[in-house]
N, C-alpha and C. Protein backbone atom coordinates (compact mmCIF):
# COMPACT_ATOMS: atom_id res chain seq x y z
N LEU A 1 2.76 -14.30 6.88
CA LEU A 1 2.80 -13.26 7.30
C LEU A 1 3.21 -12.46 8.96
N HIS A 2 3.44 -10.97 8.55
CA HIS A 2 4.02 -11.09 10.12
C HIS A 2 2.94 -9.74 10.28
N MET A 3 1.71 -10.10 10.68
CA MET A 3 0.95 -9.19 10.44
C MET A 3 1.34 -8.08 11.60
N ASN A 4 1.05 -8.56 12.68
CA ASN A 4 1.61 -8.60 14.27
C ASN A 4 2.40 -7.97 14.55
N THR A 5 3.64 -6.82 13.57
CA THR A 5 4.33 -6.94 14.16
C THR A 5 4.63 -5.59 13.14
N PRO A 6 4.55 -4.69 14.03
CA PRO A 6 4.47 -3.27 13.56
C PRO A 6 5.55 -2.47 12.36
N GLY A 7 6.79 -3.22 13.12
CA GLY A 7 8.26 -2.69 12.20
C GLY A 7 8.12 -3.53 10.73
N VAL A 8 7.17 -4.40 10.80
CA VAL A 8 7.94 -5.40 9.40
C VAL A 8 6.55 -4.80 8.74
N ILE A 9 5.23 -4.72 9.30
CA ILE A 9 4.23 -3.54 8.72
C ILE A 9 4.70 -2.47 7.86
N ASP A 10 4.91 -1.49 8.40
CA ASP A 10 5.78 -0.74 8.09
C ASP A 10 6.72 -0.41 7.20
N ALA A 11 7.60 -1.24 7.34
CA ALA A 11 8.44 -1.69 5.67
C ALA A 11 7.88 -2.24 5.16
N GLY A 12 7.27 -3.00 4.92
CA GLY A 12 6.10 -2.96 3.96
C GLY A 12 5.04 -2.49 3.23
N LEU A 13 4.63 -1.13 4.28
CA LEU A 13 3.92 -0.34 3.49
C LEU A 13 4.75 0.95 2.73
N CYS A 14 5.86 0.90 3.58
CA CYS A 14 7.54 1.97 3.23
C CYS A 14 7.53 1.54 1.11
N THR A 15 7.78 0.11 0.64
CA THR A 15 8.33 -0.56 0.35
C THR A 15 6.82 -0.42 -0.92
N ILE A 16 5.74 0.02 -0.47
CA ILE A 16 4.45 -0.12 -1.41
C ILE A 16 5.02 1.43 -1.87
N ILE A 17 5.13 2.00 -1.01
CA ILE A 17 5.01 3.35 -1.37
C ILE A 17 6.10 3.57 -2.33
N ASP A 18 7.81 3.55 -1.89
CA ASP A 18 8.68 3.52 -2.73
C ASP A 18 8.05 2.96 -4.30
N ILE A 19 7.51 2.15 -4.66
CA ILE A 19 7.09 1.40 -5.92
C ILE A 19 6.30 1.91 -6.87
N LEU A 20 5.13 2.47 -5.88
CA LEU A 20 3.95 3.34 -6.69
C LEU A 20 4.45 4.73 -6.88
N ASP A 21 5.71 5.70 -6.21
CA ASP A 21 5.80 6.77 -6.10
C ASP A 21 6.72 7.00 -6.70
N ASP A 22 6.34 7.47 -8.30
CA ASP A 22 7.83 8.04 -9.32
C ASP A 22 8.36 8.95 -8.77
N ASP A 23 8.21 9.51 -8.08
CA ASP A 23 8.99 10.78 -7.83
C ASP A 23 9.73 10.94 -6.81
N ILE A 24 10.09 9.56 -6.31
CA ILE A 24 11.06 9.46 -5.84
C ILE A 24 12.36 9.42 -5.99
N ASP A 25 13.51 10.09 -5.77
CA ASP A 25 14.63 10.03 -5.84
C ASP A 25 15.85 9.64 -5.14
N GLY A 26 16.97 9.37 -5.60
CA GLY A 26 18.14 9.24 -4.29
C GLY A 26 18.95 7.81 -4.05
N GLU A 27 19.07 7.51 -3.34
CA GLU A 27 20.28 6.33 -3.06
C GLU A 27 19.46 5.18 -2.93
N TYR A 28 17.52 5.36 -2.11
CA TYR A 28 17.13 4.38 -2.12
C TYR A 28 15.61 4.16 -2.77
N ALA A 29 15.74 4.61 -3.74
CA ALA A 29 14.89 4.89 -5.04
C ALA A 29 14.45 3.26 -5.75
N LEU A 30 13.65 3.20 -5.99
CA LEU A 30 13.59 1.37 -6.83
C LEU A 30 13.26 1.71 -8.03
N VAL A 31 14.53 1.59 -9.02
CA VAL A 31 14.87 1.58 -10.10
C VAL A 31 14.44 0.63 -11.11
N GLY A 32 13.60 0.53 -12.34
CA GLY A 32 13.11 -0.48 -12.82
C GLY A 32 11.81 -1.71 -12.31
N VAL A 33 11.49 -1.15 -10.91
CA VAL A 33 10.39 -1.59 -10.45
C VAL A 33 9.57 -1.20 -11.05
N GLU A 34 8.06 -2.44 -11.94
CA GLU A 34 6.82 -2.11 -12.02
C GLU A 34 5.91 -2.08 -11.17
N SER A 35 4.38 -1.03 -11.48
CA SER A 35 3.65 -1.17 -9.66
C SER A 35 3.10 -2.37 -10.60
N CYS A 36 1.67 -3.20 -9.44
CA CYS A 36 1.46 -4.41 -9.55
C CYS A 36 0.74 -4.20 -10.38
N SER A 37 -0.53 -5.17 -11.09
CA SER A 37 -1.22 -5.73 -12.34
C SER A 37 -2.42 -5.33 -11.70
N ASP A 38 -3.13 -4.78 -12.49
CA ASP A 38 -4.87 -4.38 -12.29
C ASP A 38 -5.57 -5.24 -11.78
N SER A 39 -4.88 -6.81 -12.16
CA SER A 39 -5.18 -7.43 -11.14
C SER A 39 -5.16 -8.34 -9.72
N ASP A 40 -4.00 -7.69 -9.47
CA ASP A 40 -3.21 -7.65 -8.44
C ASP A 40 -4.06 -6.76 -7.05
N LEU A 41 -3.94 -5.19 -7.78
CA LEU A 41 -4.24 -4.22 -7.68
C LEU A 41 -5.42 -4.48 -6.08
N PRO A 42 -6.53 -4.91 -6.39
CA PRO A 42 -7.30 -5.50 -5.29
C PRO A 42 -7.24 -5.90 -4.06
N ALA A 43 -5.87 -6.63 -4.27
CA ALA A 43 -5.32 -7.74 -2.99
C ALA A 43 -4.43 -7.21 -2.25
N VAL A 44 -3.68 -6.40 -2.83
CA VAL A 44 -2.50 -5.35 -2.06
C VAL A 44 -3.48 -4.23 -1.58
N LEU A 45 -4.78 -3.80 -2.13
CA LEU A 45 -5.34 -3.00 -1.07
C LEU A 45 -5.66 -3.00 -0.34
N THR A 46 -6.42 -4.69 -0.30
CA THR A 46 -6.91 -5.21 0.75
C THR A 46 -5.88 -5.67 1.83
N LEU A 47 -5.10 -5.74 1.86
CA LEU A 47 -3.43 -6.23 2.18
C LEU A 47 -3.66 -4.77 3.48
N VAL A 48 -3.68 -3.68 2.76
CA VAL A 48 -2.98 -2.37 3.12
C VAL A 48 -4.17 -1.79 4.50
N LEU A 49 -5.93 -2.26 3.45
CA LEU A 49 -6.41 -1.77 4.48
C LEU A 49 -7.23 -2.91 6.25
N GLU A 50 -6.22 -4.29 5.64
CA GLU A 50 -6.56 -5.00 6.82
C GLU A 50 -4.93 -4.36 7.95
N THR A 51 -3.91 -4.29 6.86
CA THR A 51 -3.27 -3.59 8.14
C THR A 51 -3.47 -2.19 9.13
N MET A 52 -4.66 -1.45 8.69
CA MET A 52 -5.65 -0.18 9.29
C MET A 52 -6.10 -1.19 10.18
N ARG A 53 -6.86 -1.94 9.93
CA ARG A 53 -8.22 -2.57 10.70
C ARG A 53 -7.02 -3.07 11.94
N MET A 54 -5.73 -4.05 11.82
CA MET A 54 -5.05 -4.57 12.98
C MET A 54 -4.67 -3.70 13.74
N HIS A 55 -4.27 -2.38 13.02
CA HIS A 55 -3.51 -1.57 14.33
C HIS A 55 -3.73 -0.23 14.33
N PRO A 56 -5.77 0.06 14.73
CA PRO A 56 -5.38 1.08 14.73
C PRO A 56 -4.88 2.31 15.70
N ALA A 57 -4.40 1.65 17.20
CA ALA A 57 -4.03 2.62 17.74
C ALA A 57 -2.12 3.10 17.13
N LYS A 58 -1.80 2.53 15.97
CA LYS A 58 -0.47 2.79 15.40
C LYS A 58 -0.54 3.97 14.43
N ALA A 59 0.08 4.97 14.96
CA ALA A 59 -0.18 6.76 13.79
C ALA A 59 0.57 5.87 12.71
N GLU A 60 1.98 5.67 12.89
CA GLU A 60 3.02 5.17 11.87
C GLU A 60 2.08 4.73 10.44
N ILE A 61 1.47 3.70 11.27
CA ILE A 61 1.04 2.68 10.26
C ILE A 61 -0.14 2.91 9.90
N GLN A 62 -0.99 3.79 10.34
CA GLN A 62 -2.21 4.52 9.82
C GLN A 62 -1.70 6.20 9.13
N SER A 63 -0.83 6.18 9.36
CA SER A 63 -0.18 7.34 8.48
C SER A 63 0.11 6.64 6.84
N ARG A 64 1.16 5.91 7.12
CA ARG A 64 1.44 5.16 5.63
C ARG A 64 0.54 4.24 4.86
N ALA A 65 -0.25 3.46 5.87
CA ALA A 65 -1.25 3.05 5.00
C ALA A 65 -2.29 4.05 4.18
N CYS A 66 -2.52 4.71 4.64
CA CYS A 66 -3.50 6.07 4.05
C CYS A 66 -2.68 6.00 2.94
N MET A 67 -1.94 6.53 2.80
CA MET A 67 -0.79 7.00 1.61
C MET A 67 -0.87 6.33 0.47
N CYS A 68 -0.43 5.00 1.30
CA CYS A 68 -0.75 3.68 -0.82
C CYS A 68 -2.33 3.52 -0.35
N VAL A 69 -3.07 3.82 0.35
CA VAL A 69 -4.60 3.55 -0.43
C VAL A 69 -4.90 4.85 -0.95
N GLY A 70 -4.07 6.53 -0.59
CA GLY A 70 -4.24 7.06 -1.89
C GLY A 70 -3.44 6.79 -3.29
N MET A 71 -2.19 6.08 -3.17
CA MET A 71 -1.68 5.95 -4.62
C MET A 71 -2.32 4.57 -5.16
N LEU A 72 -2.73 3.64 -4.48
CA LEU A 72 -3.73 2.63 -5.08
C LEU A 72 -4.85 2.76 -5.45
N VAL A 73 -6.05 3.53 -5.01
CA VAL A 73 -7.06 3.84 -5.56
C VAL A 73 -6.91 4.12 -6.77
N PRO A 74 -6.26 5.48 -7.40
CA PRO A 74 -6.05 5.63 -8.81
C PRO A 74 -6.03 5.06 -9.85
N GLN A 75 -5.35 4.28 -9.32
CA GLN A 75 -4.91 2.93 -10.15
C GLN A 75 -5.53 1.82 -10.58
N ALA A 76 -6.43 1.10 -9.14
CA ALA A 76 -7.49 0.00 -9.29
C ALA A 76 -8.30 0.64 -10.42
N PRO A 77 -8.66 -0.71 -11.33
CA PRO A 77 -9.40 -0.56 -12.36
C PRO A 77 -11.00 -0.36 -12.02
N GLU A 78 -12.04 0.10 -12.52
CA GLU A 78 -12.98 1.03 -12.02
C GLU A 78 -14.09 -0.44 -11.26
N GLN A 79 -14.43 -1.67 -11.70
CA GLN A 79 -15.16 -2.66 -11.26
C GLN A 79 -14.22 -3.03 -9.68
N ALA A 80 -12.86 -2.79 -9.32
CA ALA A 80 -12.21 -2.93 -8.22
C ALA A 80 -12.55 -1.70 -7.17
N ARG A 81 -12.55 -0.55 -8.03
CA ARG A 81 -12.91 0.35 -7.01
C ARG A 81 -14.19 0.29 -6.46
N VAL A 82 -15.39 -0.05 -6.93
CA VAL A 82 -17.03 -0.24 -6.58
C VAL A 82 -17.23 -1.74 -5.56
N ALA A 83 -16.53 -2.63 -5.92
CA ALA A 83 -16.12 -3.60 -4.85
C ALA A 83 -15.77 -2.91 -3.40
N MET A 84 -14.32 -2.29 -3.56
CA MET A 84 -14.07 -1.79 -1.97
C MET A 84 -15.12 -0.95 -1.84
N ALA A 85 -16.21 -0.72 -2.36
CA ALA A 85 -16.87 0.98 -1.86
C ALA A 85 -17.93 -0.30 -0.82
N ALA A 86 -17.96 -1.47 -1.60
CA ALA A 86 -19.64 -2.32 -1.09
C ALA A 86 -19.37 -2.59 0.47
């Protein structure tokens, strides 16, 4: 992975947002793409949180990652939310 490359991280976070946000319309909408499975949500959430830890001074990454967290947490199974809070 390119976890040290802010541009790549930003693109990845934008892709997660595009997949999870069903309100997006227009030429960049990802039509027919499913959200990740319940079993994959903790891993995706962990990856998003790791990008935040690695780039605390990058406001754009922090902002997009927060948006991802806000979209992922409500979809996560209860046991995953409890485990992430610990």
